[in-house]
């Protein structure tokens, strides 16, 4: 039962994300920078991230492919976080933008530490 609900929620989430991304591209009215932000964020980062996570969860614990998938997941998470930090920091005063970027760096190193130093957990 939980698996059915999870699949339904995942499908609903992707549907909402697709609608939101499509509306953003439509409302950009030809603004190339907005489209250049939405398309990589959606196609490259989010879809590729979830695909890598699905492969990672299905891989055997001692499989060499798991290590490569960890690197791909960390890279995609860092890329996605940096993209949203860039977009969000444009709207803020520079001291707040510095804090946002500092949090991005800390989060990236935190995920790296958890994924690669404590590799027995994951």
PDB file of N, CA and C in Angstrom:
ATOM      1  N   UNK A   1       0.814  -1.199   0.000  1.00  0.00           N
ATOM      2  CA  UNK A   1       0.000   0.000   0.000  1.00  0.00           C
ATOM      3  C   UNK A   1       0.856   1.262   0.000  1.00  0.00           C
ATOM      4  N   UNK A   2       1.911   1.273   0.820  1.00  0.00           N
ATOM      5  CA  UNK A   2       2.764   2.454   0.868  1.00  0.00           C
ATOM      6  C   UNK A   2       3.465   2.692  -0.460  1.00  0.00           C
ATOM      7  N   UNK A   3       3.848   1.604  -1.155  1.00  0.00           N
ATOM      8  CA  UNK A   3       4.498   1.739  -2.450  1.00  0.00           C
ATOM      9  C   UNK A   3       3.576   2.373  -3.475  1.00  0.00           C
ATOM     10  N   UNK A   4       2.272   2.009  -3.433  1.00  0.00           N
ATOM     11  CA  UNK A   4       1.317   2.603  -4.363  1.00  0.00           C
ATOM     12  C   UNK A   4       1.153   4.088  -4.097  1.00  0.00           C
ATOM     13  N   UNK A   5       1.080   4.459  -2.823  1.00  0.00           N
ATOM     14  CA  UNK A   5       0.920   5.861  -2.473  1.00  0.00           C
ATOM     15  C   UNK A   5       2.172   6.648  -2.858  1.00  0.00           C
ATOM     16  N   UNK A   6       3.339   6.048  -2.653  1.00  0.00           N
ATOM     17  CA  UNK A   6       4.590   6.719  -3.012  1.00  0.00           C
ATOM     18  C   UNK A   6       4.701   6.934  -4.508  1.00  0.00           C
ATOM     19  N   UNK A   7       4.289   5.945  -5.296  1.00  0.00           N
ATOM     20  CA  UNK A   7       4.321   6.097  -6.748  1.00  0.00           C
ATOM     21  C   UNK A   7       3.348   7.178  -7.200  1.00  0.00           C
ATOM     22  N   UNK A   8       2.186   7.236  -6.586  1.00  0.00           N
ATOM     23  CA  UNK A   8       1.195   8.256  -6.926  1.00  0.00           C
ATOM     24  C   UNK A   8       1.726   9.643  -6.575  1.00  0.00           C
ATOM     25  N   UNK A   9       2.316   9.775  -5.400  1.00  0.00           N
ATOM     26  CA  UNK A   9       2.849  11.070  -4.992  1.00  0.00           C
ATOM     27  C   UNK A   9       4.032  11.501  -5.849  1.00  0.00           C
ATOM     28  N   UNK A  10       4.864  10.557  -6.218  1.00  0.00           N
ATOM     29  CA  UNK A  10       5.987  10.880  -7.097  1.00  0.00           C
ATOM     30  C   UNK A  10       5.480  11.355  -8.453  1.00  0.00           C
ATOM     31  N   UNK A  11       4.519  10.655  -9.004  1.00  0.00           N
ATOM     32  CA  UNK A  11       3.930  11.066 -10.279  1.00  0.00           C
ATOM     33  C   UNK A  11       3.270  12.434 -10.192  1.00  0.00           C
ATOM     34  N   UNK A  12       2.568  12.676  -9.091  1.00  0.00           N
ATOM     35  CA  UNK A  12       1.930  13.985  -8.895  1.00  0.00           C
ATOM     36  C   UNK A  12       2.982  15.085  -8.783  1.00  0.00           C
ATOM     37  N   UNK A  13       4.055  14.807  -8.053  1.00  0.00           N
ATOM     38  CA  UNK A  13       5.130  15.797  -7.902  1.00  0.00           C
ATOM     39  C   UNK A  13       5.784  16.130  -9.229  1.00  0.00           C
ATOM     40  N   UNK A  14       6.069  15.106 -10.035  1.00  0.00           N
ATOM     41  CA  UNK A  14       6.664  15.357 -11.342  1.00  0.00           C
ATOM     42  C   UNK A  14       5.704  16.083 -12.266  1.00  0.00           C
ATOM     43  N   UNK A  15       4.415  15.776 -12.175  1.00  0.00           N
ATOM     44  CA  UNK A  15       3.422  16.486 -12.986  1.00  0.00           C
ATOM     45  C   UNK A  15       3.379  17.960 -12.616  1.00  0.00           C
ATOM     46  N   UNK A  16       3.372  18.249 -11.323  1.00  0.00           N
ATOM     47  CA  UNK A  16       3.357  19.645 -10.875  1.00  0.00           C
ATOM     48  C   UNK A  16       4.646  20.367 -11.272  1.00  0.00           C
ATOM     49  N   UNK A  17       5.775  19.691 -11.149  1.00  0.00           N
ATOM     50  CA  UNK A  17       7.053  20.284 -11.537  1.00  0.00           C
ATOM     51  C   UNK A  17       7.097  20.564 -13.033  1.00  0.00           C
ATOM     52  N   UNK A  18       6.569  19.639 -13.829  1.00  0.00           N
ATOM     53  CA  UNK A  18       6.526  19.835 -15.275  1.00  0.00           C
ATOM     54  C   UNK A  18       5.614  20.999 -15.634  1.00  0.00           C
ATOM     55  N   UNK A  19       4.443  21.067 -15.007  1.00  0.00           N
ATOM     56  CA  UNK A  19       3.518  22.184 -15.263  1.00  0.00           C
ATOM     57  C   UNK A  19       4.141  23.511 -14.863  1.00  0.00           C
ATOM     58  N   UNK A  20       4.780  23.545 -13.702  1.00  0.00           N
ATOM     59  CA  UNK A  20       5.401  24.771 -13.221  1.00  0.00           C
ATOM     60  C   UNK A  20       6.533  25.207 -14.148  1.00  0.00           C
ATOM     61  N   UNK A  21       7.358  24.274 -14.585  1.00  0.00           N
ATOM     62  CA  UNK A  21       8.452  24.611 -15.498  1.00  0.00           C
ATOM     63  C   UNK A  21       7.910  25.086 -16.843  1.00  0.00           C
ATOM     64  N   UNK A  22       6.867  24.417 -17.340  1.00  0.00           N
ATOM     65  CA  UNK A  22       6.265  24.826 -18.614  1.00  0.00           C
ATOM     66  C   UNK A  22       5.667  26.220 -18.512  1.00  0.00           C
ATOM     67  N   UNK A  23       4.982  26.496 -17.417  1.00  0.00           N
ATOM     68  CA  UNK A  23       4.402  27.832 -17.233  1.00  0.00           C
ATOM     69  C   UNK A  23       5.485  28.901 -17.127  1.00  0.00           C
ATOM     70  N   UNK A  24       6.574  28.592 -16.479  1.00  0.00           N
ATOM     71  CA  UNK A  24       7.678  29.556 -16.361  1.00  0.00           C
ATOM     72  C   UNK A  24       8.258  29.867 -17.734  1.00  0.00           C
ATOM     73  N   UNK A  25       8.426  28.843 -18.558  1.00  0.00           N
ATOM     74  CA  UNK A  25       8.946  29.070 -19.913  1.00  0.00           C
ATOM     75  C   UNK A  25       7.942  29.882 -20.731  1.00  0.00           C
ATOM     76  N   UNK A  26       6.648  29.570 -20.595  1.00  0.00           N
ATOM     77  CA  UNK A  26       5.619  30.303 -21.327  1.00  0.00           C
ATOM     78  C   UNK A  26       5.559  31.760 -20.883  1.00  0.00           C
ATOM     79  N   UNK A  27       5.640  31.999 -19.574  1.00  0.00           N
ATOM     80  CA  UNK A  27       5.519  33.359 -19.048  1.00  0.00           C
ATOM     81  C   UNK A  27       6.796  34.179 -19.228  1.00  0.00           C
ATOM     82  N   UNK A  28       7.879  33.540 -19.606  1.00  0.00           N
ATOM     83  CA  UNK A  28       9.120  34.292 -19.791  1.00  0.00           C
ATOM     84  C   UNK A  28       9.044  35.211 -21.007  1.00  0.00           C
ATOM     85  N   UNK A  29       8.129  34.921 -21.920  1.00  0.00           N
ATOM     86  CA  UNK A  29       7.894  35.737 -23.111  1.00  0.00           C
ATOM     87  C   UNK A  29       9.187  36.012 -23.889  1.00  0.00           C
ATOM     88  N   UNK A  30       9.945  34.946 -24.089  1.00  0.00           N
ATOM     89  CA  UNK A  30      11.147  35.069 -24.904  1.00  0.00           C
ATOM     90  C   UNK A  30      12.388  35.501 -24.150  1.00  0.00           C
ATOM     91  N   UNK A  31      12.302  35.657 -22.829  1.00  0.00           N
ATOM     92  CA  UNK A  31      13.477  36.016 -22.042  1.00  0.00           C
ATOM     93  C   UNK A  31      14.420  34.812 -22.001  1.00  0.00           C
ATOM     94  N   UNK A  32      15.509  34.920 -22.721  1.00  0.00           N
ATOM     95  CA  UNK A  32      16.423  33.784 -22.872  1.00  0.00           C
ATOM     96  C   UNK A  32      17.052  33.369 -21.548  1.00  0.00           C
ATOM     97  N   UNK A  33      17.298  34.324 -20.656  1.00  0.00           N
ATOM     98  CA  UNK A  33      17.925  33.985 -19.370  1.00  0.00           C
ATOM     99  C   UNK A  33      16.998  33.155 -18.495  1.00  0.00           C
ATOM    100  N   UNK A  34      15.716  33.468 -18.505  1.00  0.00           N
ATOM    101  CA  UNK A  34      14.769  32.665 -17.727  1.00  0.00           C
ATOM    102  C   UNK A  34      14.657  31.245 -18.273  1.00  0.00           C
ATOM    103  N   UNK A  35      14.591  31.141 -19.570  1.00  0.00           N
ATOM    104  CA  UNK A  35      14.516  29.817 -20.187  1.00  0.00           C
ATOM    105  C   UNK A  35      15.818  29.051 -19.939  1.00  0.00           C
ATOM    106  N   UNK A  36      16.946  29.750 -20.013  1.00  0.00           N
ATOM    107  CA  UNK A  36      18.245  29.119 -19.776  1.00  0.00           C
ATOM    108  C   UNK A  36      18.403  28.662 -18.328  1.00  0.00           C
ATOM    109  N   UNK A  37      17.610  29.193 -17.426  1.00  0.00           N
ATOM    110  CA  UNK A  37      17.629  28.732 -16.039  1.00  0.00           C
ATOM    111  C   UNK A  37      16.691  27.543 -15.850  1.00  0.00           C
ATOM    112  N   UNK A  38      15.489  27.631 -16.389  1.00  0.00           N
ATOM    113  CA  UNK A  38      14.465  26.610 -16.148  1.00  0.00           C
ATOM    114  C   UNK A  38      14.813  25.289 -16.832  1.00  0.00           C
ATOM    115  N   UNK A  39      15.235  25.339 -18.073  1.00  0.00           N
ATOM    116  CA  UNK A  39      15.481  24.102 -18.819  1.00  0.00           C
ATOM    117  C   UNK A  39      16.585  23.251 -18.188  1.00  0.00           C
ATOM    118  N   UNK A  40      17.770  23.802 -17.886  1.00  0.00           N
ATOM    119  CA  UNK A  40      18.775  22.944 -17.230  1.00  0.00           C
ATOM    120  C   UNK A  40      18.358  22.505 -15.836  1.00  0.00           C
ATOM    121  N   UNK A  41      17.691  23.382 -15.105  1.00  0.00           N
ATOM    122  CA  UNK A  41      17.271  23.019 -13.749  1.00  0.00           C
ATOM    123  C   UNK A  41      16.295  21.850 -13.792  1.00  0.00           C
ATOM    124  N   UNK A  42      15.401  21.858 -14.753  1.00  0.00           N
ATOM    125  CA  UNK A  42      14.404  20.791 -14.823  1.00  0.00           C
ATOM    126  C   UNK A  42      14.970  19.537 -15.488  1.00  0.00           C
ATOM    127  N   UNK A  43      15.455  19.687 -16.699  1.00  0.00           N
ATOM    128  CA  UNK A  43      15.886  18.511 -17.460  1.00  0.00           C
ATOM    129  C   UNK A  43      17.158  17.887 -16.913  1.00  0.00           C
ATOM    130  N   UNK A  44      18.193  18.692 -16.793  1.00  0.00           N
ATOM    131  CA  UNK A  44      19.487  18.136 -16.420  1.00  0.00           C
ATOM    132  C   UNK A  44      19.570  17.788 -14.948  1.00  0.00           C
ATOM    133  N   UNK A  45      19.144  18.692 -14.110  1.00  0.00           N
ATOM    134  CA  UNK A  45      19.360  18.480 -12.679  1.00  0.00           C
ATOM    135  C   UNK A  45      18.285  17.622 -12.035  1.00  0.00           C
ATOM    136  N   UNK A  46      17.046  18.009 -12.135  1.00  0.00           N
ATOM    137  CA  UNK A  46      15.993  17.314 -11.391  1.00  0.00           C
ATOM    138  C   UNK A  46      15.710  15.926 -11.960  1.00  0.00           C
ATOM    139  N   UNK A  47      15.458  15.841 -13.259  1.00  0.00           N
ATOM    140  CA  UNK A  47      15.155  14.527 -13.835  1.00  0.00           C
ATOM    141  C   UNK A  47      16.360  13.590 -13.757  1.00  0.00           C
ATOM    142  N   UNK A  48      17.536  14.118 -14.074  1.00  0.00           N
ATOM    143  CA  UNK A  48      18.737  13.296 -14.000  1.00  0.00           C
ATOM    144  C   UNK A  48      19.053  12.907 -12.562  1.00  0.00           C
ATOM    145  N   UNK A  49      18.800  13.820 -11.628  1.00  0.00           N
ATOM    146  CA  UNK A  49      19.025  13.517 -10.213  1.00  0.00           C
ATOM    147  C   UNK A  49      18.131  12.372  -9.744  1.00  0.00           C
ATOM    148  N   UNK A  50      16.851  12.422 -10.063  1.00  0.00           N
ATOM    149  CA  UNK A  50      15.952  11.359  -9.640  1.00  0.00           C
ATOM    150  C   UNK A  50      16.256  10.035 -10.348  1.00  0.00           C
ATOM    151  N   UNK A  51      16.699  10.107 -11.599  1.00  0.00           N
ATOM    152  CA  UNK A  51      17.087   8.893 -12.299  1.00  0.00           C
ATOM    153  C   UNK A  51      18.307   8.254 -11.632  1.00  0.00           C
ATOM    154  N   UNK A  52      19.303   9.087 -11.277  1.00  0.00           N
ATOM    155  CA  UNK A  52      20.495   8.570 -10.590  1.00  0.00           C
ATOM    156  C   UNK A  52      20.132   8.012  -9.212  1.00  0.00           C
ATOM    157  N   UNK A  53      19.231   8.676  -8.505  1.00  0.00           N
ATOM    158  CA  UNK A  53      18.799   8.166  -7.204  1.00  0.00           C
ATOM    159  C   UNK A  53      18.103   6.819  -7.342  1.00  0.00           C
ATOM    160  N   UNK A  54      17.291   6.659  -8.378  1.00  0.00           N
ATOM    161  CA  UNK A  54      16.604   5.395  -8.602  1.00  0.00           C
ATOM    162  C   UNK A  54      17.618   4.285  -8.896  1.00  0.00           C
ATOM    163  N   UNK A  55      18.610   4.582  -9.724  1.00  0.00           N
ATOM    164  CA  UNK A  55      19.651   3.603 -10.013  1.00  0.00           C
ATOM    165  C   UNK A  55      20.471   3.276  -8.769  1.00  0.00           C
ATOM    166  N   UNK A  56      20.747   4.289  -7.970  1.00  0.00           N
ATOM    167  CA  UNK A  56      21.534   4.103  -6.751  1.00  0.00           C
ATOM    168  C   UNK A  56      20.802   3.195  -5.763  1.00  0.00           C
ATOM    169  N   UNK A  57      19.519   3.419  -5.607  1.00  0.00           N
ATOM    170  CA  UNK A  57      18.742   2.603  -4.670  1.00  0.00           C
ATOM    171  C   UNK A  57      18.630   1.159  -5.147  1.00  0.00           C
ATOM    172  N   UNK A  58      18.690   0.935  -6.442  1.00  0.00           N
ATOM    173  CA  UNK A  58      18.577  -0.408  -6.977  1.00  0.00           C
ATOM    174  C   UNK A  58      19.897  -1.161  -7.077  1.00  0.00           C
ATOM    175  N   UNK A  59      21.003  -0.451  -6.899  1.00  0.00           N
ATOM    176  CA  UNK A  59      22.313  -1.097  -7.032  1.00  0.00           C
ATOM    177  C   UNK A  59      22.653  -1.885  -5.773  1.00  0.00           C
ATOM    178  N   UNK A  60      23.457  -2.917  -5.960  1.00  0.00           N
ATOM    179  CA  UNK A  60      23.909  -3.728  -4.820  1.00  0.00           C
ATOM    180  C   UNK A  60      24.857  -2.906  -3.949  1.00  0.00           C
ATOM    181  N   UNK A  61      24.889  -3.178  -2.631  1.00  0.00           N
ATOM    182  CA  UNK A  61      25.691  -2.355  -1.719  1.00  0.00           C
ATOM    183  C   UNK A  61      27.176  -2.256  -2.059  1.00  0.00           C
ATOM    184  N   UNK A  62      27.798  -3.305  -2.543  1.00  0.00           N
ATOM    185  CA  UNK A  62      29.232  -3.268  -2.827  1.00  0.00           C
ATOM    186  C   UNK A  62      29.544  -3.122  -4.311  1.00  0.00           C
ATOM    187  N   UNK A  63      28.579  -2.735  -5.075  1.00  0.00           N
ATOM    188  CA  UNK A  63      28.767  -2.588  -6.511  1.00  0.00           C
ATOM    189  C   UNK A  63      29.570  -1.325  -6.818  1.00  0.00           C
ATOM    190  N   UNK A  64      30.506  -1.403  -7.760  1.00  0.00           N
ATOM    191  CA  UNK A  64      31.356  -0.266  -8.118  1.00  0.00           C
ATOM    192  C   UNK A  64      30.534   0.871  -8.725  1.00  0.00           C
ATOM    193  N   UNK A  65      29.425   0.535  -9.362  1.00  0.00           N
ATOM    194  CA  UNK A  65      28.571   1.558  -9.978  1.00  0.00           C
ATOM    195  C   UNK A  65      27.989   2.497  -8.930  1.00  0.00           C
ATOM    196  N   UNK A  66      27.798   1.997  -7.717  1.00  0.00           N
ATOM    197  CA  UNK A  66      27.238   2.832  -6.645  1.00  0.00           C
ATOM    198  C   UNK A  66      28.127   4.033  -6.345  1.00  0.00           C
ATOM    199  N   UNK A  67      29.445   3.835  -6.373  1.00  0.00           N
ATOM    200  CA  UNK A  67      30.376   4.931  -6.103  1.00  0.00           C
ATOM    201  C   UNK A  67      30.248   6.012  -7.176  1.00  0.00           C
ATOM    202  N   UNK A  68      30.153   5.618  -8.436  1.00  0.00           N
ATOM    203  CA  UNK A  68      29.995   6.572  -9.528  1.00  0.00           C
ATOM    204  C   UNK A  68      28.663   7.298  -9.426  1.00  0.00           C
ATOM    205  N   UNK A  69      27.631   6.583  -9.003  1.00  0.00           N
ATOM    206  CA  UNK A  69      26.325   7.224  -8.828  1.00  0.00           C
ATOM    207  C   UNK A  69      26.348   8.220  -7.684  1.00  0.00           C
ATOM    208  N   UNK A  70      27.093   7.925  -6.617  1.00  0.00           N
ATOM    209  CA  UNK A  70      27.232   8.896  -5.521  1.00  0.00           C
ATOM    210  C   UNK A  70      27.863  10.192  -6.024  1.00  0.00           C
ATOM    211  N   UNK A  71      28.897  10.051  -6.842  1.00  0.00           N
ATOM    212  CA  UNK A  71      29.557  11.237  -7.396  1.00  0.00           C
ATOM    213  C   UNK A  71      28.589  12.022  -8.274  1.00  0.00           C
ATOM    214  N   UNK A  72      27.824  11.326  -9.099  1.00  0.00           N
ATOM    215  CA  UNK A  72      26.850  11.993  -9.967  1.00  0.00           C
ATOM    216  C   UNK A  72      25.770  12.690  -9.148  1.00  0.00           C
ATOM    217  N   UNK A  73      25.283  12.039  -8.109  1.00  0.00           N
ATOM    218  CA  UNK A  73      24.243  12.626  -7.255  1.00  0.00           C
ATOM    219  C   UNK A  73      24.773  13.866  -6.553  1.00  0.00           C
ATOM    220  N   UNK A  74      25.983  13.773  -6.001  1.00  0.00           N
ATOM    221  CA  UNK A  74      26.560  14.937  -5.322  1.00  0.00           C
ATOM    222  C   UNK A  74      26.767  16.095  -6.293  1.00  0.00           C
ATOM    223  N   UNK A  75      27.248  15.798  -7.494  1.00  0.00           N
ATOM    224  CA  UNK A  75      27.469  16.847  -8.493  1.00  0.00           C
ATOM    225  C   UNK A  75      26.154  17.509  -8.888  1.00  0.00           C
ATOM    226  N   UNK A  76      25.121  16.719  -9.123  1.00  0.00           N
ATOM    227  CA  UNK A  76      23.823  17.278  -9.503  1.00  0.00           C
ATOM    228  C   UNK A  76      23.209  18.095  -8.371  1.00  0.00           C
ATOM    229  N   UNK A  77      23.329  17.613  -7.131  1.00  0.00           N
ATOM    230  CA  UNK A  77      22.814  18.377  -5.989  1.00  0.00           C
ATOM    231  C   UNK A  77      23.543  19.712  -5.845  1.00  0.00           C
ATOM    232  N   UNK A  78      24.859  19.687  -6.004  1.00  0.00           N
ATOM    233  CA  UNK A  78      25.638  20.919  -5.903  1.00  0.00           C
ATOM    234  C   UNK A  78      25.261  21.884  -7.024  1.00  0.00           C
ATOM    235  N   UNK A  79      25.115  21.362  -8.239  1.00  0.00           N
ATOM    236  CA  UNK A  79      24.728  22.183  -9.386  1.00  0.00           C
ATOM    237  C   UNK A  79      23.363  22.822  -9.174  1.00  0.00           C
ATOM    238  N   UNK A  80      22.407  22.028  -8.735  1.00  0.00           N
ATOM    239  CA  UNK A  80      21.052  22.536  -8.521  1.00  0.00           C
ATOM    240  C   UNK A  80      21.014  23.572  -7.396  1.00  0.00           C
ATOM    241  N   UNK A  81      21.722  23.305  -6.318  1.00  0.00           N
ATOM    242  CA  UNK A  81      21.775  24.258  -5.207  1.00  0.00           C
ATOM    243  C   UNK A  81      22.425  25.562  -5.638  1.00  0.00           C
ATOM    244  N   UNK A  82      23.507  25.479  -6.397  1.00  0.00           N
ATOM    245  CA  UNK A  82      24.192  26.689  -6.871  1.00  0.00           C
ATOM    246  C   UNK A  82      23.301  27.483  -7.828  1.00  0.00           C
ATOM    247  N   UNK A  83      22.552  26.793  -8.677  1.00  0.00           N
ATOM    248  CA  UNK A  83      21.654  27.494  -9.600  1.00  0.00           C
ATOM    249  C   UNK A  83      20.585  28.277  -8.850  1.00  0.00           C
ATOM    250  N   UNK A  84      19.979  27.643  -7.853  1.00  0.00           N
ATOM    251  CA  UNK A  84      18.931  28.338  -7.109  1.00  0.00           C
ATOM    252  C   UNK A  84      19.506  29.430  -6.208  1.00  0.00           C
ATOM    253  N   UNK A  85      20.699  29.224  -5.712  1.00  0.00           N
ATOM    254  CA  UNK A  85      21.340  30.278  -4.921  1.00  0.00           C
ATOM    255  C   UNK A  85      21.658  31.479  -5.790  1.00  0.00           C
ATOM    256  N   UNK A  86      22.114  31.230  -6.991  1.00  0.00           N
ATOM    257  CA  UNK A  86      22.397  32.322  -7.926  1.00  0.00           C
ATOM    258  C   UNK A  86      21.132  33.104  -8.237  1.00  0.00           C
ATOM    259  N   UNK A  87      20.069  32.376  -8.554  1.00  0.00           N
ATOM    260  CA  UNK A  87      18.816  33.040  -8.918  1.00  0.00           C
ATOM    261  C   UNK A  87      18.229  33.800  -7.721  1.00  0.00           C
ATOM    262  N   UNK A  88      18.305  33.201  -6.535  1.00  0.00           N
ATOM    263  CA  UNK A  88      17.762  33.864  -5.351  1.00  0.00           C
ATOM    264  C   UNK A  88      18.600  35.035  -4.883  1.00  0.00           C
ATOM    265  N   UNK A  89      19.916  34.922  -5.018  1.00  0.00           N
ATOM    266  CA  UNK A  89      20.787  35.996  -4.523  1.00  0.00           C
ATOM    267  C   UNK A  89      20.717  37.245  -5.391  1.00  0.00           C
ATOM    268  N   UNK A  90      20.208  37.109  -6.616  1.00  0.00           N
ATOM    269  CA  UNK A  90      20.012  38.291  -7.463  1.00  0.00           C
ATOM    270  C   UNK A  90      19.017  39.269  -6.846  1.00  0.00           C
ATOM    271  N   UNK A  91      18.089  38.761  -6.058  1.00  0.00           N
ATOM    272  CA  UNK A  91      17.019  39.579  -5.501  1.00  0.00           C
ATOM    273  C   UNK A  91      17.360  40.169  -4.136  1.00  0.00           C
ATOM    274  N   UNK A  92      18.523  39.832  -3.597  1.00  0.00           N
ATOM    275  CA  UNK A  92      18.849  40.203  -2.224  1.00  0.00           C
ATOM    276  C   UNK A  92      19.955  41.254  -2.184  1.00  0.00           C
ATOM    277  N   UNK A  93      20.038  41.906  -1.042  1.00  0.00           N
ATOM    278  CA  UNK A  93      21.170  42.796  -0.805  1.00  0.00           C
ATOM    279  C   UNK A  93      22.434  41.963  -0.688  1.00  0.00           C
ATOM    280  N   UNK A  94      23.573  42.553  -0.968  1.00  0.00           N
ATOM    281  CA  UNK A  94      24.797  41.762  -1.023  1.00  0.00           C
ATOM    282  C   UNK A  94      25.160  41.069   0.288  1.00  0.00           C
ATOM    283  N   UNK A  95      24.897  41.634   1.487  1.00  0.00           N
ATOM    284  CA  UNK A  95      25.243  40.870   2.690  1.00  0.00           C
ATOM    285  C   UNK A  95      24.405  39.588   2.834  1.00  0.00           C
ATOM    286  N   UNK A  96      23.149  39.668   2.444  1.00  0.00           N
ATOM    287  CA  UNK A  96      22.290  38.487   2.515  1.00  0.00           C
ATOM    288  C   UNK A  96      22.696  37.484   1.434  1.00  0.00           C
ATOM    289  N   UNK A  97      23.076  37.985   0.264  1.00  0.00           N
ATOM    290  CA  UNK A  97      23.537  37.098  -0.814  1.00  0.00           C
ATOM    291  C   UNK A  97      24.802  36.350  -0.399  1.00  0.00           C
ATOM    292  N   UNK A  98      25.682  37.006   0.345  1.00  0.00           N
ATOM    293  CA  UNK A  98      26.891  36.344   0.841  1.00  0.00           C
ATOM    294  C   UNK A  98      26.516  35.205   1.785  1.00  0.00           C
ATOM    295  N   UNK A  99      25.527  35.435   2.639  1.00  0.00           N
ATOM    296  CA  UNK A  99      25.059  34.387   3.554  1.00  0.00           C
ATOM    297  C   UNK A  99      24.458  33.222   2.762  1.00  0.00           C
ATOM    298  N   UNK A 100      23.676  33.523   1.731  1.00  0.00           N
ATOM    299  CA  UNK A 100      23.068  32.476   0.905  1.00  0.00           C
ATOM    300  C   UNK A 100      24.152  31.636   0.240  1.00  0.00           C
ATOM    301  N   UNK A 101      25.170  32.285  -0.317  1.00  0.00           N
ATOM    302  CA  UNK A 101      26.259  31.544  -0.954  1.00  0.00           C
ATOM    303  C   UNK A 101      27.074  30.759   0.060  1.00  0.00           C
ATOM    304  N   UNK A 102      27.259  31.308   1.243  1.00  0.00           N
ATOM    305  CA  UNK A 102      27.970  30.566   2.292  1.00  0.00           C
ATOM    306  C   UNK A 102      27.190  29.310   2.684  1.00  0.00           C
ATOM    307  N   UNK A 103      25.878  29.436   2.789  1.00  0.00           N
ATOM    308  CA  UNK A 103      25.049  28.273   3.101  1.00  0.00           C
ATOM    309  C   UNK A 103      25.108  27.243   1.975  1.00  0.00           C
ATOM    310  N   UNK A 104      25.213  27.690   0.741  1.00  0.00           N
ATOM    311  CA  UNK A 104      25.341  26.781  -0.390  1.00  0.00           C
ATOM    312  C   UNK A 104      26.632  25.981  -0.304  1.00  0.00           C
ATOM    313  N   UNK A 105      27.722  26.664   0.011  1.00  0.00           N
ATOM    314  CA  UNK A 105      29.020  25.992   0.127  1.00  0.00           C
ATOM    315  C   UNK A 105      29.003  25.002   1.291  1.00  0.00           C
ATOM    316  N   UNK A 106      28.450  25.415   2.424  1.00  0.00           N
ATOM    317  CA  UNK A 106      28.374  24.534   3.595  1.00  0.00           C
ATOM    318  C   UNK A 106      27.506  23.312   3.289  1.00  0.00           C
ATOM    319  N   UNK A 107      26.390  23.515   2.623  1.00  0.00           N
ATOM    320  CA  UNK A 107      25.511  22.393   2.278  1.00  0.00           C
ATOM    321  C   UNK A 107      26.202  21.427   1.320  1.00  0.00           C
ATOM    322  N   UNK A 108      26.918  21.962   0.355  1.00  0.00           N
ATOM    323  CA  UNK A 108      27.628  21.108  -0.592  1.00  0.00           C
ATOM    324  C   UNK A 108      28.704  20.282   0.103  1.00  0.00           C
ATOM    325  N   UNK A 109      29.477  20.919   0.974  1.00  0.00           N
ATOM    326  CA  UNK A 109      30.493  20.173   1.720  1.00  0.00           C
ATOM    327  C   UNK A 109      29.858  19.197   2.709  1.00  0.00           C
ATOM    328  N   UNK A 110      28.714  19.555   3.263  1.00  0.00           N
ATOM    329  CA  UNK A 110      28.023  18.654   4.183  1.00  0.00           C
ATOM    330  C   UNK A 110      27.557  17.391   3.490  1.00  0.00           C
ATOM    331  N   UNK A 111      26.977  17.543   2.304  1.00  0.00           N
ATOM    332  CA  UNK A 111      26.538  16.370   1.545  1.00  0.00           C
ATOM    333  C   UNK A 111      27.746  15.544   1.126  1.00  0.00           C
ATOM    334  N   UNK A 112      28.811  16.200   0.713  1.00  0.00           N
ATOM    335  CA  UNK A 112      30.039  15.499   0.335  1.00  0.00           C
ATOM    336  C   UNK A 112      30.589  14.710   1.523  1.00  0.00           C
ATOM    337  N   UNK A 113      30.613  15.321   2.680  1.00  0.00           N
ATOM    338  CA  UNK A 113      31.108  14.655   3.890  1.00  0.00           C
ATOM    339  C   UNK A 113      30.258  13.428   4.218  1.00  0.00           C
ATOM    340  N   UNK A 114      28.953  13.595   4.185  1.00  0.00           N
ATOM    341  CA  UNK A 114      28.063  12.478   4.504  1.00  0.00           C
ATOM    342  C   UNK A 114      28.154  11.361   3.471  1.00  0.00           C
ATOM    343  N   UNK A 115      28.232  11.707   2.203  1.00  0.00           N
ATOM    344  CA  UNK A 115      28.266  10.692   1.148  1.00  0.00           C
ATOM    345  C   UNK A 115      29.585   9.933   1.097  1.00  0.00           C
ATOM    346  N   UNK A 116      30.692  10.649   1.255  1.00  0.00           N
ATOM    347  CA  UNK A 116      31.979  10.033   0.978  1.00  0.00           C
ATOM    348  C   UNK A 116      32.792   9.688   2.220  1.00  0.00           C
ATOM    349  N   UNK A 117      32.615  10.395   3.319  1.00  0.00           N
ATOM    350  CA  UNK A 117      33.337  10.071   4.548  1.00  0.00           C
ATOM    351  C   UNK A 117      32.595   8.981   5.317  1.00  0.00           C
ATOM    352  N   UNK A 118      31.300   9.130   5.445  1.00  0.00           N
ATOM    353  CA  UNK A 118      30.478   8.139   6.150  1.00  0.00           C
ATOM    354  C   UNK A 118      29.845   7.194   5.143  1.00  0.00           C
ATOM    355  N   UNK A 119      30.661   6.629   4.283  1.00  0.00           N
ATOM    356  CA  UNK A 119      30.125   5.802   3.208  1.00  0.00           C
ATOM    357  C   UNK A 119      29.517   4.500   3.698  1.00  0.00           C
ATOM    358  N   UNK A 120      29.765   4.106   4.939  1.00  0.00           N
ATOM    359  CA  UNK A 120      29.148   2.890   5.453  1.00  0.00           C
ATOM    360  C   UNK A 120      27.658   3.054   5.686  1.00  0.00           C
ATOM    361  N   UNK A 121      27.224   4.278   5.900  1.00  0.00           N
ATOM    362  CA  UNK A 121      25.788   4.520   6.142  1.00  0.00           C
ATOM    363  C   UNK A 121      24.976   4.404   4.871  1.00  0.00           C
ATOM    364  N   UNK A 122      25.537   4.867   3.768  1.00  0.00           N
ATOM    365  CA  UNK A 122      24.756   4.948   2.524  1.00  0.00           C
ATOM    366  C   UNK A 122      25.327   4.004   1.509  1.00  0.00           C
TER     367      UNK A 122
END
